[in-house]
Amino acid sequence: MRTELRFLLAIGMMFIVLVGTNMLFPPIVPEPGIVPDSLGSTAPTGSVGSPPSSTVTGAPPAAVVAGAQVVPAPEVLAETRVTVESPLYRLEFSSYGARLVSAELPRFRALNQEGVVDLVPAATPGYFGQALVVGNDTLDLARAPFTVEPAGGLSLAEGGSGGTLRFTYEDPERALRFEISYTFDPGLYVMSVEGRVEGVARPLLLTDLGEGIAFAEADSAGEARMMAYAYNHLDRGIESTALARAEPQIVQGPLLWAAFRSKFFVTVLLAGESDATTEGADYLGGLILRPGTIPDHVGIATAQGVGTDGRFAYRLFLGPQEYASLSSLGQDLEEVNPYGWRFLRPVLRPIVSVILTILTFLHTNLTIGYGWVLVVFGVAMRIVLFPLNHKAMKAQMRNMEVQPLLQEIQKKYKDQPEKLQKEMLRLYKEHGFNPLAGCLPLLLPWPILIALFFVFQNTIELRGVAFLWLPDLSTKDPLYILPMILAGSMFLMQWLSMKSIEAPNPQMKMMMWMMPPMMLLIFLNLASGLNLYYVVSNIATIPQQMWISNERKKMKGRPPLKLKDD
């Protein structure tokens, strides 16, 4: 069962317990290059053009047509590779096609093999091969011999200035010159890309994004389910499709960005926002999806107009899904891996932002690991939500006192519906009875609960973080200790609640015995960080539950409420 469905089941069951309890007492969810043989032969019939002229002035009305003639660029035998190193990344480029063939992230250890995370899948040509389309002809530059400056690559120190890597390809026979420059900042995962085409009149530029991101997690099956491509359409907003369900097609623009994502990492091409004055650079014309060489994957190429001066520009992001880093780039890029279902995102988005800010603040200012951060956060959330829970429990006790009177009225006027309704309303008014008073305060924190699920499911800060016996807070508890404690704490809270009631309802007894085992099964394979938070939250709730049980016992000595005479 998918993780999201298990979580929805858990939410539904908790809702049953929450509402059910209130009802009982008694209140009434080979790698892409630009196409191995020919871009045209693998792309589906259709066109990828620039946005309408009303949106992007001067964008070329070019088309990519199935069956277009592909003109290969000359190839030489000698290939050279250059590296760009900074504290955040080690990038390796090939002189063939100016392609990125390796993108290592030294801060992140690969959990499925030795070494660090490398975003580029093995045995593939790499990322960012280029092709030029003019009419029905495609000039594939993915294997073209480029010269590179500086030939020794770049070494960028932390806190130092950035650098630029420039690739140039010249074909005298066609009077073609293609230049592309990558500018790096040692403190950012973002690259600014600028280029120029000479000798070709207003071509359509195709940039190959590859076939996705290499596997890096211990749970490859779970990671495969998270693999997807996404894009931000100017009119339709952000759309995302799992790679396992992706099919060859053409996606019409205009697009703000296109991306591949895994569980924790992302590669993105963003249109525009460069120092170059480039016509039509604010949007991508569309995407071409072709069959992938990796099982259950597709290759993607972006289509982008080139200005009348031959210039083009875009930005690239290759790195972790750090909320702050992605949101700083704008264009809703932090939604590349959306938190929650589309209809809930307007509510969850600000909550997620606040939660991540709090977790980062606690980690930075308390100088403690994220395991202890979750413990502190769980206790703090209980303290913050205490007034709501306290109000709900007091309302619940008040409603319990009124329950005998309610039953008496229902029995007395069972054959007089209108009179029954009138007397019930009078009862509510005289004794302050509100069937929803014990339920609504407990429902208000639910958006936080749902947001926490998505935060803990793929928050990069928890990846690979060990805590006590847990090797990784982003994966399941290997010993299943936390899910068992979670189920036990849930049983204890329900037992404390039930023992203070003289004659517990049979349904309540059934829930006490059934709910904990069912929650155990649901949470077994969820992230241990999520389990840790709920365990701490439940344990922190027990004192409050003990207090409410004592208050219920005191109620037994009070004289029962009586109906007032008409």
Protein backbone atom coordinates (compact mmCIF):
# COMPACT_ATOMS: atom_id res chain seq x y z
CA MET A 1 0.00 0.00 0.00
CA ARG A 2 1.37 3.44 -0.87
CA THR A 3 2.68 5.52 2.01
CA GLU A 4 0.16 8.29 1.35
CA LEU A 5 -2.74 5.81 1.42
CA ARG A 6 -1.52 4.29 4.67
CA PHE A 7 -1.32 7.76 6.14
CA LEU A 8 -4.82 8.59 4.93
CA LEU A 9 -6.05 5.40 6.59
CA ALA A 10 -4.31 6.42 9.80
CA ILE A 11 -5.90 9.87 9.62
CA GLY A 12 -9.30 8.29 9.03
CA MET A 13 -8.91 5.96 11.97
CA MET A 14 -7.79 8.77 14.27
CA PHE A 15 -10.77 10.77 13.08
CA ILE A 16 -13.06 7.87 14.00
CA VAL A 17 -11.55 7.70 17.46
CA LEU A 18 -11.75 11.46 17.90
CA VAL A 19 -15.30 11.92 16.69
CA GLY A 20 -16.48 8.55 17.97
CA THR A 21 -15.31 9.34 21.48
CA ASN A 22 -17.15 12.63 21.43
CA MET A 23 -20.29 10.90 20.21
CA LEU A 24 -20.07 8.40 23.03
CA PHE A 25 -19.65 11.11 25.68
CA PRO A 26 -21.89 12.22 23.97
CA PRO A 27 -20.83 14.58 21.16
CA ILE A 28 -22.83 14.03 18.42
CA VAL A 29 -7.70 11.00 4.05
CA PRO A 30 21.80 5.02 -23.91
CA GLU A 31 20.72 7.98 -21.76
CA PRO A 32 19.51 10.85 -23.38
CA GLY A 33 21.80 12.75 -25.27
CA ILE A 34 19.50 14.70 -27.33
CA VAL A 35 17.93 11.53 -28.55
CA PRO A 36 20.25 8.60 -29.28
CA ASP A 37 19.69 8.41 -33.04
CA SER A 38 17.47 11.30 -33.83
CA LEU A 39 15.38 13.64 -31.81
CA GLY A 40 12.75 13.66 -34.47
CA SER A 41 12.53 9.88 -34.76
CA THR A 42 11.89 9.40 -31.07
CA ALA A 43 9.71 12.39 -30.38
CA PRO A 44 5.98 12.02 -30.90
CA THR A 45 4.36 13.92 -33.70
CA GLY A 46 3.54 17.44 -32.70
CA SER A 47 5.22 20.74 -32.11
CA VAL A 48 6.91 22.51 -29.30
CA GLY A 49 6.87 26.21 -29.93
CA SER A 50 7.47 29.29 -27.90
CA PRO A 51 4.62 30.92 -26.01
CA PRO A 52 2.21 33.09 -27.95
CA SER A 53 3.61 36.43 -29.09
CA SER A 54 1.30 38.14 -26.65
CA THR A 55 3.21 36.41 -23.86
CA VAL A 56 6.78 36.29 -25.14
CA THR A 57 7.73 38.97 -27.63
CA GLY A 58 9.88 37.75 -30.49
CA ALA A 59 9.85 34.05 -29.54
CA PRO A 60 10.40 31.86 -32.61
CA PRO A 61 7.46 29.89 -33.99
CA ALA A 62 9.73 26.87 -34.50
CA ALA A 63 8.50 23.28 -34.49
CA VAL A 64 9.98 19.89 -33.78
CA VAL A 65 8.57 17.48 -36.34
CA ALA A 66 8.71 13.70 -36.19
CA GLY A 67 10.99 12.44 -38.91
CA ALA A 68 13.12 15.59 -39.00
CA GLN A 69 16.50 15.14 -40.61
CA VAL A 70 19.23 14.98 -37.97
CA VAL A 71 22.61 16.34 -38.98
CA PRO A 72 25.29 14.90 -36.68
CA ALA A 73 28.16 17.12 -35.64
CA PRO A 74 31.68 15.92 -36.39
CA GLU A 75 33.20 13.74 -33.69
CA VAL A 76 36.81 13.36 -32.68
CA LEU A 77 38.34 10.48 -30.78
CA ALA A 78 39.98 12.43 -28.00
CA GLU A 79 37.66 13.36 -25.15
CA THR A 80 38.74 15.59 -22.32
CA ARG A 81 37.00 16.11 -19.02
CA VAL A 82 37.12 19.08 -16.70
CA THR A 83 35.89 19.42 -13.15
CA VAL A 84 34.36 22.20 -11.12
CA GLU A 85 34.81 21.75 -7.38
CA SER A 86 33.32 23.65 -4.46
CA PRO A 87 32.34 22.70 -0.90
CA LEU A 88 28.84 21.86 -2.19
CA TYR A 89 29.53 19.92 -5.38
CA ARG A 90 32.01 18.29 -7.69
CA LEU A 91 30.86 18.56 -11.30
CA GLU A 92 32.55 16.83 -14.21
CA PHE A 93 31.96 17.96 -17.78
CA SER A 94 32.88 16.20 -21.03
CA SER A 95 34.29 18.02 -24.04
CA TYR A 96 31.88 15.93 -26.10
CA GLY A 97 28.70 17.98 -26.24
CA ALA A 98 29.69 20.10 -23.21
CA ARG A 99 27.69 17.54 -21.26
CA LEU A 100 27.64 17.12 -17.49
CA VAL A 101 28.65 13.50 -16.86
CA SER A 102 28.93 13.54 -13.07
CA ALA A 103 27.38 15.68 -10.33
CA GLU A 104 28.63 14.62 -6.90
CA LEU A 105 27.32 16.22 -3.71
CA PRO A 106 30.02 15.80 -1.00
CA ARG A 107 27.66 16.73 1.84
CA PHE A 108 25.43 13.72 1.16
CA ARG A 109 26.45 10.10 1.48
CA ALA A 110 24.96 7.56 -0.92
CA LEU A 111 23.01 5.07 1.16
CA ASN A 112 22.87 2.32 -1.48
CA GLN A 113 26.61 2.08 -2.10
CA GLU A 114 29.97 3.48 -1.05
CA GLY A 115 30.73 7.10 -1.77
CA VAL A 116 28.73 10.29 -2.04
CA VAL A 117 25.55 11.03 -3.97
CA ASP A 118 26.03 11.42 -7.73
CA LEU A 119 22.93 12.78 -9.42
CA VAL A 120 23.82 11.58 -12.93
CA PRO A 121 22.74 7.96 -13.57
CA ALA A 122 25.61 5.62 -14.44
CA ALA A 123 26.09 4.35 -18.01
CA THR A 124 24.27 7.34 -19.51
CA PRO A 125 25.71 10.20 -21.60
CA GLY A 126 24.84 12.72 -18.89
CA TYR A 127 22.92 15.98 -18.72
CA PHE A 128 22.60 19.11 -20.84
CA GLY A 129 23.53 17.96 -24.33
CA GLN A 130 22.31 20.52 -26.87
CA ALA A 131 20.58 20.39 -30.25
CA LEU A 132 19.52 23.12 -32.67
CA VAL A 133 16.33 22.83 -34.70
CA VAL A 134 15.80 24.89 -37.84
CA GLY A 135 12.70 24.03 -39.81
CA ASN A 136 12.74 20.25 -40.27
CA ASP A 137 16.48 19.88 -39.63
CA THR A 138 18.06 19.10 -36.27
CA LEU A 139 21.76 19.63 -35.60
CA ASP A 140 22.68 17.32 -32.72
CA LEU A 141 25.57 18.73 -30.67
CA ALA A 142 25.46 16.08 -27.94
CA ARG A 143 28.66 14.47 -29.32
CA ALA A 144 30.22 17.54 -30.88
CA PRO A 145 33.86 18.27 -29.93
CA PHE A 146 33.92 21.42 -27.82
CA THR A 147 36.91 23.33 -26.55
CA VAL A 148 36.77 24.42 -22.92
CA GLU A 149 38.22 27.32 -20.98
CA PRO A 150 39.83 27.11 -18.53
CA ALA A 151 41.13 23.71 -19.63
CA GLY A 152 42.06 22.84 -16.05
CA GLY A 153 38.55 23.37 -14.72
CA LEU A 154 37.66 25.38 -11.62
CA SER A 155 38.32 25.05 -7.91
CA LEU A 156 36.05 27.33 -5.89
CA ALA A 157 36.79 28.00 -2.23
CA GLU A 158 34.13 28.48 0.41
CA GLY A 159 33.33 32.16 0.73
CA GLY A 160 35.37 32.94 -2.38
CA SER A 161 34.33 34.33 -5.72
CA GLY A 162 32.65 32.27 -8.40
CA GLY A 163 33.93 31.21 -11.78
CA THR A 164 32.85 30.55 -15.36
CA LEU A 165 33.42 27.50 -17.55
CA ARG A 166 33.09 28.28 -21.26
CA PHE A 167 32.55 25.69 -24.02
CA THR A 168 32.89 26.53 -27.71
CA TYR A 169 32.13 24.49 -30.83
CA GLU A 170 32.96 25.68 -34.34
CA ASP A 171 32.05 24.06 -37.66
CA PRO A 172 33.68 26.02 -40.52
CA GLU A 173 31.84 23.98 -43.16
CA ARG A 174 28.50 25.20 -41.87
CA ALA A 175 29.86 28.56 -40.70
CA LEU A 176 28.44 27.59 -37.30
CA ARG A 177 29.69 28.72 -33.92
CA PHE A 178 28.03 27.59 -30.69
CA GLU A 179 29.16 28.91 -27.33
CA ILE A 180 27.79 28.07 -23.89
CA SER A 181 29.05 29.31 -20.51
CA TYR A 182 28.31 27.97 -17.01
CA THR A 183 28.81 30.42 -14.13
CA PHE A 184 29.14 28.97 -10.63
CA ASP A 185 28.83 30.29 -7.07
CA PRO A 186 30.68 28.15 -4.49
CA GLY A 187 27.93 28.71 -1.93
CA LEU A 188 24.94 27.86 -4.12
CA TYR A 189 23.66 24.87 -6.06
CA VAL A 190 22.60 27.20 -8.88
CA MET A 191 24.40 27.68 -12.19
CA SER A 192 23.72 30.57 -14.54
CA VAL A 193 23.90 29.52 -18.19
CA GLU A 194 24.39 31.87 -21.12
CA GLY A 195 25.12 31.05 -24.73
CA ARG A 196 25.22 32.29 -28.26
CA VAL A 197 24.60 30.72 -31.66
CA GLU A 198 26.17 32.15 -34.82
CA GLY A 199 25.57 31.02 -38.38
CA VAL A 200 22.03 29.72 -37.82
CA ALA A 201 19.03 32.01 -38.12
CA ARG A 202 16.85 31.87 -35.01
CA PRO A 203 16.98 28.15 -34.22
CA LEU A 204 15.03 26.39 -31.52
CA LEU A 205 17.37 25.27 -28.74
CA LEU A 206 16.81 21.83 -27.22
CA THR A 207 18.51 21.09 -23.91
CA ASP A 208 18.62 17.50 -22.72
CA LEU A 209 17.79 16.97 -19.03
CA GLY A 210 18.63 13.27 -19.12
CA GLU A 211 16.46 10.46 -17.80
CA GLY A 212 16.15 11.41 -14.17
CA ILE A 213 18.30 11.20 -11.06
CA ALA A 214 20.48 8.28 -10.00
CA PHE A 215 19.32 6.08 -7.13
CA ALA A 216 20.98 6.92 -3.82
CA GLU A 217 18.73 5.52 -1.07
CA ALA A 218 18.86 2.18 0.73
CA ASP A 219 15.20 1.55 -0.08
CA SER A 220 15.34 1.55 -3.88
CA ALA A 221 11.72 0.46 -4.25
CA GLY A 222 10.50 3.34 -2.10
CA GLU A 223 12.81 5.75 -3.89
CA ALA A 224 11.53 4.57 -7.29
CA ARG A 225 7.99 5.51 -6.27
CA MET A 226 9.20 9.05 -5.57
CA MET A 227 10.98 9.47 -8.93
CA ALA A 228 9.08 11.95 -11.08
CA TYR A 229 9.31 14.81 -13.52
CA ALA A 230 7.57 18.11 -12.93
CA TYR A 231 7.09 21.48 -14.58
CA ASN A 232 5.48 24.81 -13.82
CA HIS A 233 3.11 25.81 -16.59
CA LEU A 234 2.32 29.49 -16.84
CA ASP A 235 -1.42 28.83 -17.09
CA ARG A 236 -1.97 25.44 -15.42
CA GLY A 237 0.51 25.72 -12.57
CA ILE A 238 2.72 22.93 -11.28
CA GLU A 239 2.15 19.44 -12.67
CA SER A 240 4.01 16.31 -11.64
CA THR A 241 4.07 12.76 -13.02
CA ALA A 242 5.77 9.68 -11.61
CA LEU A 243 8.41 8.33 -14.00
CA ALA A 244 6.85 4.88 -13.80
CA ARG A 245 3.67 6.34 -15.35
CA ALA A 246 5.32 8.77 -17.78
CA GLU A 247 4.81 8.32 -21.52
CA PRO A 248 6.47 9.84 -24.61
CA GLN A 249 4.69 13.05 -25.51
CA ILE A 250 5.11 16.73 -26.21
CA VAL A 251 4.14 19.19 -23.47
CA GLN A 252 3.23 22.59 -24.85
CA GLY A 253 4.47 25.65 -22.96
CA PRO A 254 4.90 28.30 -21.83
CA LEU A 255 6.78 26.85 -18.86
CA LEU A 256 8.68 28.55 -16.07
CA TRP A 257 10.80 25.51 -15.25
CA ALA A 258 11.13 21.77 -15.79
CA ALA A 259 12.62 19.29 -13.35
CA PHE A 260 13.44 15.73 -12.41
CA ARG A 261 13.17 14.78 -8.76
CA SER A 262 13.95 11.83 -6.53
CA LYS A 263 12.99 11.47 -2.88
CA PHE A 264 15.51 14.03 -1.67
CA PHE A 265 17.23 15.55 -4.71
CA VAL A 266 16.25 17.57 -7.75
CA THR A 267 17.62 18.81 -11.08
CA VAL A 268 15.88 21.84 -12.54
CA LEU A 269 16.15 24.03 -15.61
CA LEU A 270 14.65 27.48 -15.02
CA ALA A 271 13.95 29.89 -17.83
CA GLY A 272 15.14 33.48 -17.89
CA GLU A 273 16.52 35.81 -15.21
CA SER A 274 19.97 36.25 -16.67
CA ASP A 275 22.18 39.25 -17.33
CA ALA A 276 21.90 38.52 -21.05
CA THR A 277 19.23 40.43 -22.95
CA THR A 278 17.59 37.49 -24.63
CA GLU A 279 14.26 37.59 -26.43
CA GLY A 280 11.81 34.97 -25.24
CA ALA A 281 14.05 33.94 -22.33
CA ASP A 282 11.35 34.28 -19.70
CA TYR A 283 9.67 30.99 -20.65
CA LEU A 284 10.40 27.58 -22.07
CA GLY A 285 8.47 26.67 -25.19
CA GLY A 286 7.72 23.16 -23.95
CA LEU A 287 9.07 19.68 -23.26
CA ILE A 288 9.77 16.63 -25.39
CA LEU A 289 9.43 13.31 -23.56
CA ARG A 290 10.95 10.27 -25.25
CA PRO A 291 11.35 6.60 -24.23
CA GLY A 292 14.16 6.15 -21.74
CA THR A 293 17.00 3.64 -21.75
CA ILE A 294 16.48 3.14 -17.99
CA PRO A 295 13.46 0.95 -17.12
CA ASP A 296 10.38 2.97 -16.10
CA HIS A 297 12.05 6.25 -17.07
CA VAL A 298 11.68 8.82 -19.81
CA GLY A 299 14.16 11.23 -21.31
CA ILE A 300 13.25 14.91 -21.34
CA ALA A 301 14.46 17.80 -23.47
CA THR A 302 13.37 21.40 -23.01
CA ALA A 303 12.63 23.63 -26.00
CA GLN A 304 13.61 27.28 -25.86
CA GLY A 305 13.67 30.11 -28.34
CA VAL A 306 16.92 31.84 -29.29
CA GLY A 307 16.87 35.62 -29.66
CA THR A 308 17.48 37.54 -32.87
CA ASP A 309 21.01 38.19 -31.64
CA GLY A 310 21.58 34.46 -31.26
CA ARG A 311 21.68 34.59 -27.47
CA PHE A 312 19.96 32.32 -24.97
CA ALA A 313 20.03 32.03 -21.19
CA TYR A 314 18.65 29.91 -18.39
CA ARG A 315 19.54 28.69 -14.90
CA LEU A 316 20.22 25.23 -13.54
CA PHE A 317 19.75 23.87 -10.03
CA LEU A 318 21.30 20.54 -9.08
CA GLY A 319 21.12 19.63 -5.43
CA PRO A 320 19.04 18.67 -2.40
CA GLN A 321 15.42 19.61 -1.92
CA GLU A 322 16.20 22.20 0.73
CA TYR A 323 13.10 24.32 1.15
CA ALA A 324 14.99 27.58 1.72
CA SER A 325 17.29 27.08 -1.27
CA LEU A 326 14.45 26.27 -3.64
CA SER A 327 12.11 29.01 -2.44
CA SER A 328 14.88 31.61 -2.83
CA LEU A 329 14.83 30.99 -6.60
CA GLY A 330 11.17 31.99 -6.89
CA GLN A 331 8.67 30.67 -9.44
CA ASP A 332 7.24 28.33 -6.75
CA LEU A 333 10.22 26.04 -7.17
CA GLU A 334 9.82 24.77 -3.59
CA GLU A 335 6.69 23.05 -4.88
CA VAL A 336 8.73 20.79 -7.18
CA ASN A 337 8.02 18.08 -4.62
CA PRO A 338 4.65 19.32 -3.37
CA TYR A 339 3.64 18.85 0.25
CA GLY A 340 0.24 17.20 0.22
CA TRP A 341 -2.54 16.85 -2.27
CA ARG A 342 -3.36 19.74 -4.58
CA PHE A 343 -6.57 20.75 -2.80
CA LEU A 344 -4.73 20.98 0.55
CA ARG A 345 -1.60 22.80 -0.61
CA PRO A 346 -2.87 26.35 0.00
CA VAL A 347 -3.39 25.39 3.65
CA LEU A 348 -0.35 23.14 4.10
CA ARG A 349 2.19 25.31 2.33
CA PRO A 350 2.49 28.04 5.03
CA ILE A 351 2.35 25.41 7.78
CA VAL A 352 5.19 23.44 6.18
CA SER A 353 7.26 26.61 5.88
CA VAL A 354 6.79 27.40 9.57
CA ILE A 355 7.55 23.83 10.68
CA LEU A 356 10.77 23.66 8.65
CA THR A 357 11.82 27.05 9.98
CA ILE A 358 11.24 25.90 13.56
CA LEU A 359 13.13 22.62 13.08
CA THR A 360 16.09 24.44 11.52
CA PHE A 361 16.04 27.08 14.26
CA LEU A 362 16.07 24.46 17.03
CA HIS A 363 18.85 22.52 15.34
CA THR A 364 21.00 25.62 14.84
CA ASN A 365 20.41 27.44 18.12
CA LEU A 366 20.25 24.49 20.51
CA THR A 367 23.19 22.81 18.72
CA ILE A 368 21.52 19.41 19.01
CA GLY A 369 20.94 16.67 16.46
CA TYR A 370 17.67 16.39 14.57
CA GLY A 371 16.60 13.40 16.67
CA TRP A 372 16.55 15.54 19.80
CA VAL A 373 15.05 18.38 17.77
CA LEU A 374 12.04 16.14 17.06
CA VAL A 375 11.77 15.28 20.76
CA VAL A 376 11.81 18.96 21.73
CA PHE A 377 9.42 19.81 18.91
CA GLY A 378 6.97 17.06 19.94
CA VAL A 379 6.85 18.29 23.54
CA ALA A 380 6.61 21.92 22.42
CA MET A 381 3.69 21.14 20.12
CA ARG A 382 1.85 19.48 23.00
CA ILE A 383 2.40 22.56 25.15
CA VAL A 384 1.22 24.89 22.38
CA LEU A 385 -1.86 22.76 21.70
CA PHE A 386 -2.64 22.20 25.39
CA PRO A 387 -5.26 24.99 25.60
CA LEU A 388 -7.21 23.49 22.69
CA ASN A 389 -6.99 19.96 24.08
CA HIS A 390 -7.88 21.17 27.57
CA LYS A 391 -10.92 23.02 26.28
CA ALA A 392 -12.03 19.97 24.32
CA MET A 393 -11.69 17.65 27.31
CA LYS A 394 -13.60 20.02 29.61
CA ALA A 395 -16.37 20.24 27.03
CA GLN A 396 -16.34 16.46 26.80
CA MET A 397 -16.85 16.13 30.56
CA ARG A 398 -19.66 18.66 30.51
CA ASN A 399 -21.34 16.77 27.74
CA MET A 400 -21.03 13.53 29.72
CA GLU A 401 -22.95 15.13 32.59
CA VAL A 402 -25.75 16.11 30.23
CA GLN A 403 -25.88 12.70 28.53
CA PRO A 404 -28.41 11.11 30.96
CA LEU A 405 -30.75 14.07 30.47
CA LEU A 406 -30.41 13.79 26.71
CA GLN A 407 -31.28 10.10 26.83
CA GLU A 408 -34.25 10.84 29.08
CA ILE A 409 -35.60 13.41 26.61
CA GLN A 410 -35.08 11.06 23.66
CA LYS A 411 -36.97 8.33 25.46
CA LYS A 412 -39.77 10.61 26.62
CA TYR A 413 -40.44 12.21 23.24
CA LYS A 414 -39.43 9.42 20.87
CA ASP A 415 -42.83 9.54 19.16
CA GLN A 416 -42.94 13.35 18.95
CA PRO A 417 -40.11 14.50 16.63
CA GLU A 418 -40.96 18.19 16.78
CA LYS A 419 -41.28 18.19 20.54
CA LEU A 420 -38.06 16.16 20.83
CA GLN A 421 -36.13 18.69 18.78
CA LYS A 422 -37.52 21.58 20.79
CA GLU A 423 -36.64 19.96 24.13
CA MET A 424 -33.14 19.05 22.98
CA LEU A 425 -32.48 22.65 21.97
CA ARG A 426 -33.74 23.81 25.35
CA LEU A 427 -31.44 21.32 27.05
CA TYR A 428 -28.46 22.55 25.06
CA LYS A 429 -29.21 26.14 26.06
CA GLU A 430 -29.89 25.53 29.76
CA HIS A 431 -26.85 23.37 30.44
CA GLY A 432 -24.38 24.73 27.90
CA PHE A 433 -24.38 21.47 25.98
CA ASN A 434 -22.66 21.58 22.58
CA PRO A 435 -22.31 18.27 20.69
CA LEU A 436 -19.30 19.61 18.77
CA ALA A 437 -17.56 21.44 21.60
CA GLY A 438 -15.35 18.48 22.43
CA CYS A 439 -14.55 17.76 18.81
CA LEU A 440 -13.82 21.03 17.01
CA PRO A 441 -10.84 22.13 19.15
CA LEU A 442 -9.18 18.80 18.43
CA LEU A 443 -9.80 19.11 14.69
CA LEU A 444 -8.03 22.45 14.37
CA PRO A 445 -4.50 20.96 14.79
CA TRP A 446 -5.12 18.37 12.07
CA PRO A 447 -3.62 20.45 9.24
CA ILE A 448 -0.43 20.49 11.34
CA LEU A 449 -0.58 16.71 11.69
CA ILE A 450 -0.97 16.23 7.93
CA ALA A 451 1.78 18.74 7.17
CA LEU A 452 4.14 16.90 9.53
CA PHE A 453 3.61 13.68 7.60
CA PHE A 454 4.79 15.24 4.36
CA VAL A 455 7.61 17.14 6.07
CA PHE A 456 9.08 14.02 7.67
CA GLN A 457 8.56 11.92 4.56
CA ASN A 458 11.12 13.73 2.38
CA THR A 459 12.87 16.41 4.39
CA ILE A 460 16.53 16.37 3.38
CA GLU A 461 17.62 17.49 6.86
CA LEU A 462 16.56 14.11 8.29
CA ARG A 463 18.21 12.02 5.58
CA GLY A 464 20.93 9.76 6.95
CA VAL A 465 20.63 11.24 10.45
CA ALA A 466 21.09 8.58 13.14
CA PHE A 467 19.40 8.76 16.55
CA LEU A 468 19.85 6.20 19.33
CA TRP A 469 19.26 2.83 17.60
CA LEU A 470 17.80 4.46 14.48
CA PRO A 471 20.29 4.58 11.56
CA ASP A 472 18.24 7.03 9.49
CA LEU A 473 15.33 9.21 10.63
CA SER A 474 14.01 9.39 7.06
CA THR A 475 13.49 5.61 6.83
CA LYS A 476 11.53 3.10 8.86
CA ASP A 477 12.63 1.87 12.28
CA PRO A 478 14.56 -1.35 11.48
CA LEU A 479 13.64 -2.88 14.85
CA TYR A 480 10.03 -1.55 14.82
CA ILE A 481 10.47 -0.33 18.39
CA LEU A 482 8.92 3.10 17.82
CA PRO A 483 5.75 1.80 16.11
CA MET A 484 5.25 -0.59 19.03
CA ILE A 485 5.73 2.20 21.57
CA LEU A 486 3.32 4.33 19.53
CA ALA A 487 0.67 1.61 19.65
CA GLY A 488 1.31 1.04 23.36
CA SER A 489 0.99 4.72 24.21
CA MET A 490 -2.26 4.90 22.25
CA PHE A 491 -3.62 1.91 24.18
CA LEU A 492 -2.58 3.51 27.49
CA MET A 493 -4.34 6.79 26.68
CA GLN A 494 -7.56 4.99 25.75
CA TRP A 495 -7.34 2.78 28.83
CA LEU A 496 -6.92 5.84 31.08
CA SER A 497 -9.93 7.40 29.42
CA MET A 498 -12.09 4.30 29.76
CA LYS A 499 -11.26 3.40 33.37
CA SER A 500 -12.73 6.68 34.60
CA ILE A 501 -16.13 5.80 33.12
CA GLU A 502 -18.54 3.70 35.17
CA ALA A 503 -20.09 1.84 32.26
CA PRO A 504 -17.89 2.12 29.16
CA ASN A 505 -19.66 1.81 25.86
CA PRO A 506 -18.94 -1.52 24.05
CA GLN A 507 -17.79 0.42 21.00
CA MET A 508 -15.22 2.20 23.13
CA LYS A 509 -13.84 -1.10 24.37
CA MET A 510 -13.64 -2.36 20.81
CA MET A 511 -11.72 0.73 19.68
CA MET A 512 -9.32 0.40 22.60
CA TRP A 513 -8.35 -3.12 21.51
CA MET A 514 -8.49 -2.65 17.74
CA MET A 515 -7.04 0.80 17.11
CA PRO A 516 -3.52 0.33 18.54
CA PRO A 517 -2.76 -2.83 16.48
CA MET A 518 -4.11 -1.19 13.34
CA MET A 519 -2.03 1.94 13.93
CA LEU A 520 0.98 -0.31 14.52
CA LEU A 521 0.55 -1.87 11.08
CA ILE A 522 0.10 1.52 9.43
CA PHE A 523 3.16 3.13 11.02
CA LEU A 524 5.49 0.13 10.69
CA ASN A 525 7.03 1.30 7.43
CA LEU A 526 6.67 5.06 7.84
CA ALA A 527 9.70 7.24 8.50
CA SER A 528 11.16 6.72 11.97
CA GLY A 529 11.29 10.52 12.37
CA LEU A 530 7.52 10.61 11.97
CA ASN A 531 7.14 7.75 14.46
CA LEU A 532 9.45 9.51 16.91
CA TYR A 533 7.41 12.70 16.80
CA TYR A 534 4.10 10.92 17.43
CA VAL A 535 5.55 8.77 20.22
CA VAL A 536 6.83 11.87 22.01
CA SER A 537 3.55 13.66 21.37
CA ASN A 538 1.51 10.75 22.78
CA ILE A 539 3.71 10.39 25.85
CA ALA A 540 3.50 14.14 26.48
CA THR A 541 -0.30 13.84 26.33
CA ILE A 542 -0.53 11.13 29.01
CA PRO A 543 -0.33 13.55 32.01
CA GLN A 544 -3.21 15.53 30.54
CA GLN A 545 -5.17 12.31 30.05
CA MET A 546 -4.51 11.32 33.67
CA TRP A 547 -5.78 14.70 34.83
CA ILE A 548 -8.97 14.40 32.83
CA SER A 549 -9.51 10.87 34.22
CA ASN A 550 -9.26 12.22 37.78
CA GLU A 551 -11.73 14.96 36.94
CA ARG A 552 -14.16 12.38 35.63
CA LYS A 553 -13.88 10.46 38.89
CA LYS A 554 -14.76 13.63 40.81
CA MET A 555 -17.88 13.96 38.68
CA LYS A 556 -19.19 10.69 40.05
CA GLY A 557 -19.75 12.28 43.47
CA ARG A 558 -21.77 15.15 42.11
CA PRO A 559 -25.57 15.02 42.10
CA PRO A 560 -26.91 14.28 38.61
CA LEU A 561 -28.31 17.11 36.54
CA LYS A 562 -32.07 17.35 36.29
CA LEU A 563 -34.41 18.64 33.67
CA LYS A 564 -36.02 21.95 34.52
CA ASP A 565 -39.76 22.09 34.49
CA ASP A 566 -41.47 23.91 31.64
